[in-house]
């Protein structure tokens, strides 16, 4: 299984210490190149994308999320603003359980 991180240099340094393949200062083109390679080779992978990269419109990111059982992709908030991170699953939780399910004061 490949362990991959795409995002800022600061976060890439930490992920490289954990043994991840890193793509520091990656852009959308880099993300699509990496994902296309993973799909082409049918590789199993755990891919961490810094939030800014995962929010950009990309056919391949959507395809991997919807169709690939061998690639797990998740988001990492930026190092300098972790409080701004809002995972995509929050919308589903609010629709199913209501906003109170995310109340952090409980």
C-alpha atoms as a PDB file:
ATOM      1  CA  UNK A   1       0.000   0.000   0.000  1.00  0.00           C
ATOM      2  CA  UNK A   2       1.255   3.442  -0.875  1.00  0.00           C
ATOM      3  CA  UNK A   3       1.062   6.246   1.689  1.00  0.00           C
ATOM      4  CA  UNK A   4       0.890   9.635  -0.041  1.00  0.00           C
ATOM      5  CA  UNK A   5       0.655  13.246   1.113  1.00  0.00           C
ATOM      6  CA  UNK A   6       0.029  16.230  -1.175  1.00  0.00           C
ATOM      7  CA  UNK A   7       0.138  19.730   0.266  1.00  0.00           C
ATOM      8  CA  UNK A   8       2.321  22.378   1.857  1.00  0.00           C
ATOM      9  CA  UNK A   9       6.021  21.937   2.544  1.00  0.00           C
ATOM     10  CA  UNK A  10       5.532  22.292   6.304  1.00  0.00           C
ATOM     11  CA  UNK A  11       3.076  19.398   6.482  1.00  0.00           C
ATOM     12  CA  UNK A  12       5.034  17.371   3.914  1.00  0.00           C
ATOM     13  CA  UNK A  13       8.075  17.437   6.207  1.00  0.00           C
ATOM     14  CA  UNK A  14       6.088  15.771   8.975  1.00  0.00           C
ATOM     15  CA  UNK A  15       4.513  13.186   6.703  1.00  0.00           C
ATOM     16  CA  UNK A  16       7.882  12.295   5.199  1.00  0.00           C
ATOM     17  CA  UNK A  17       9.137  11.491   8.704  1.00  0.00           C
ATOM     18  CA  UNK A  18       6.264   9.003   8.946  1.00  0.00           C
ATOM     19  CA  UNK A  19       7.359   7.305   5.723  1.00  0.00           C
ATOM     20  CA  UNK A  20       4.850   8.877   3.336  1.00  0.00           C
ATOM     21  CA  UNK A  21       5.631   9.732  -0.267  1.00  0.00           C
ATOM     22  CA  UNK A  22       5.265  13.497  -0.251  1.00  0.00           C
ATOM     23  CA  UNK A  23       4.488  16.022  -2.915  1.00  0.00           C
ATOM     24  CA  UNK A  24       5.279  19.361  -1.257  1.00  0.00           C
ATOM     25  CA  UNK A  25       3.690  22.490  -2.679  1.00  0.00           C
ATOM     26  CA  UNK A  26       1.444  20.296  -4.826  1.00  0.00           C
ATOM     27  CA  UNK A  27      -1.128  21.891  -7.086  1.00  0.00           C
ATOM     28  CA  UNK A  28      -4.243  20.483  -8.751  1.00  0.00           C
ATOM     29  CA  UNK A  29      -2.186  19.221 -11.705  1.00  0.00           C
ATOM     30  CA  UNK A  30       0.051  17.259  -9.317  1.00  0.00           C
ATOM     31  CA  UNK A  31      -2.983  15.773  -7.561  1.00  0.00           C
ATOM     32  CA  UNK A  32      -4.495  14.661 -10.851  1.00  0.00           C
ATOM     33  CA  UNK A  33      -1.197  13.169 -12.051  1.00  0.00           C
ATOM     34  CA  UNK A  34      -0.781  11.156  -8.842  1.00  0.00           C
ATOM     35  CA  UNK A  35      -4.406   9.968  -8.847  1.00  0.00           C
ATOM     36  CA  UNK A  36      -4.263   9.032 -12.541  1.00  0.00           C
ATOM     37  CA  UNK A  37      -1.157   6.939 -11.845  1.00  0.00           C
ATOM     38  CA  UNK A  38      -2.843   5.212  -8.902  1.00  0.00           C
ATOM     39  CA  UNK A  39      -5.911   4.412 -10.996  1.00  0.00           C
ATOM     40  CA  UNK A  40      -3.830   3.227 -13.947  1.00  0.00           C
ATOM     41  CA  UNK A  41      -1.704   0.891 -11.840  1.00  0.00           C
ATOM     42  CA  UNK A  42      -4.681  -0.176  -9.674  1.00  0.00           C
ATOM     43  CA  UNK A  43      -2.564   0.590  -6.623  1.00  0.00           C
ATOM     44  CA  UNK A  44      -3.865   0.493  -3.094  1.00  0.00           C
ATOM     45  CA  UNK A  45      -3.187   3.817  -1.424  1.00  0.00           C
ATOM     46  CA  UNK A  46      -3.964   6.064   1.500  1.00  0.00           C
ATOM     47  CA  UNK A  47      -3.864   9.637   0.189  1.00  0.00           C
ATOM     48  CA  UNK A  48      -3.891  12.739   2.384  1.00  0.00           C
ATOM     49  CA  UNK A  49      -4.718  16.022   0.632  1.00  0.00           C
ATOM     50  CA  UNK A  50      -4.383  19.401   2.253  1.00  0.00           C
ATOM     51  CA  UNK A  51      -7.861  20.940   2.323  1.00  0.00           C
ATOM     52  CA  UNK A  52      -7.196  23.578  -0.329  1.00  0.00           C
ATOM     53  CA  UNK A  53      -6.347  20.888  -2.854  1.00  0.00           C
ATOM     54  CA  UNK A  54      -9.371  18.738  -2.126  1.00  0.00           C
ATOM     55  CA  UNK A  55     -11.768  21.668  -2.510  1.00  0.00           C
ATOM     56  CA  UNK A  56     -10.692  22.484  -6.073  1.00  0.00           C
ATOM     57  CA  UNK A  57     -12.929  21.055  -8.791  1.00  0.00           C
ATOM     58  CA  UNK A  58     -11.362  17.882 -10.155  1.00  0.00           C
ATOM     59  CA  UNK A  59     -12.894  15.075 -12.176  1.00  0.00           C
ATOM     60  CA  UNK A  60     -10.287  12.624 -10.867  1.00  0.00           C
ATOM     61  CA  UNK A  61     -10.785  13.503  -7.199  1.00  0.00           C
ATOM     62  CA  UNK A  62     -14.532  12.951  -7.639  1.00  0.00           C
ATOM     63  CA  UNK A  63     -13.939   9.691  -9.522  1.00  0.00           C
ATOM     64  CA  UNK A  64     -11.633   8.323  -6.819  1.00  0.00           C
ATOM     65  CA  UNK A  65     -14.100   9.267  -4.070  1.00  0.00           C
ATOM     66  CA  UNK A  66     -17.034   7.656  -5.857  1.00  0.00           C
ATOM     67  CA  UNK A  67     -15.557   4.676  -7.660  1.00  0.00           C
ATOM     68  CA  UNK A  68     -12.275   3.504  -6.220  1.00  0.00           C
ATOM     69  CA  UNK A  69     -12.338   0.925  -3.457  1.00  0.00           C
ATOM     70  CA  UNK A  70      -8.548   0.673  -3.353  1.00  0.00           C
ATOM     71  CA  UNK A  71      -7.758   4.362  -2.778  1.00  0.00           C
ATOM     72  CA  UNK A  72      -8.707   5.983   0.500  1.00  0.00           C
ATOM     73  CA  UNK A  73      -8.525   9.752   0.284  1.00  0.00           C
ATOM     74  CA  UNK A  74      -8.900  12.126   3.200  1.00  0.00           C
ATOM     75  CA  UNK A  75      -8.260  15.773   3.976  1.00  0.00           C
ATOM     76  CA  UNK A  76      -5.803  17.453   6.309  1.00  0.00           C
ATOM     77  CA  UNK A  77      -6.383  21.045   7.480  1.00  0.00           C
ATOM     78  CA  UNK A  78      -3.679  23.619   6.846  1.00  0.00           C
ATOM     79  CA  UNK A  79      -1.035  23.786   9.559  1.00  0.00           C
ATOM     80  CA  UNK A  80      -1.562  27.513  10.134  1.00  0.00           C
ATOM     81  CA  UNK A  81      -5.396  27.354  10.341  1.00  0.00           C
ATOM     82  CA  UNK A  82      -6.656  23.993  11.629  1.00  0.00           C
ATOM     83  CA  UNK A  83      -9.790  25.589  13.106  1.00  0.00           C
ATOM     84  CA  UNK A  84     -11.019  26.430   9.580  1.00  0.00           C
ATOM     85  CA  UNK A  85     -11.277  22.758   8.628  1.00  0.00           C
ATOM     86  CA  UNK A  86     -14.768  21.459   7.996  1.00  0.00           C
ATOM     87  CA  UNK A  87     -14.909  17.859   6.770  1.00  0.00           C
ATOM     88  CA  UNK A  88     -17.340  16.960   3.994  1.00  0.00           C
ATOM     89  CA  UNK A  89     -19.049  14.413   6.228  1.00  0.00           C
ATOM     90  CA  UNK A  90     -20.378  17.212   8.471  1.00  0.00           C
ATOM     91  CA  UNK A  91     -23.112  18.051   5.928  1.00  0.00           C
ATOM     92  CA  UNK A  92     -24.296  14.443   5.948  1.00  0.00           C
ATOM     93  CA  UNK A  93     -24.294  14.330   9.754  1.00  0.00           C
ATOM     94  CA  UNK A  94     -26.354  17.520   9.952  1.00  0.00           C
ATOM     95  CA  UNK A  95     -28.880  16.186   7.405  1.00  0.00           C
ATOM     96  CA  UNK A  96     -29.250  12.841   9.186  1.00  0.00           C
ATOM     97  CA  UNK A  97     -28.857  13.713  12.874  1.00  0.00           C
ATOM     98  CA  UNK A  98     -29.332  17.476  13.009  1.00  0.00           C
ATOM     99  CA  UNK A  99     -26.943  20.300  13.799  1.00  0.00           C
ATOM    100  CA  UNK A 100     -26.955  19.502  17.512  1.00  0.00           C
ATOM    101  CA  UNK A 101     -24.986  16.315  16.758  1.00  0.00           C
ATOM    102  CA  UNK A 102     -21.987  18.538  16.009  1.00  0.00           C
ATOM    103  CA  UNK A 103     -22.337  20.702  19.102  1.00  0.00           C
ATOM    104  CA  UNK A 104     -18.831  20.828  20.546  1.00  0.00           C
ATOM    105  CA  UNK A 105     -19.999  21.955  23.983  1.00  0.00           C
ATOM    106  CA  UNK A 106     -21.499  18.547  24.791  1.00  0.00           C
END
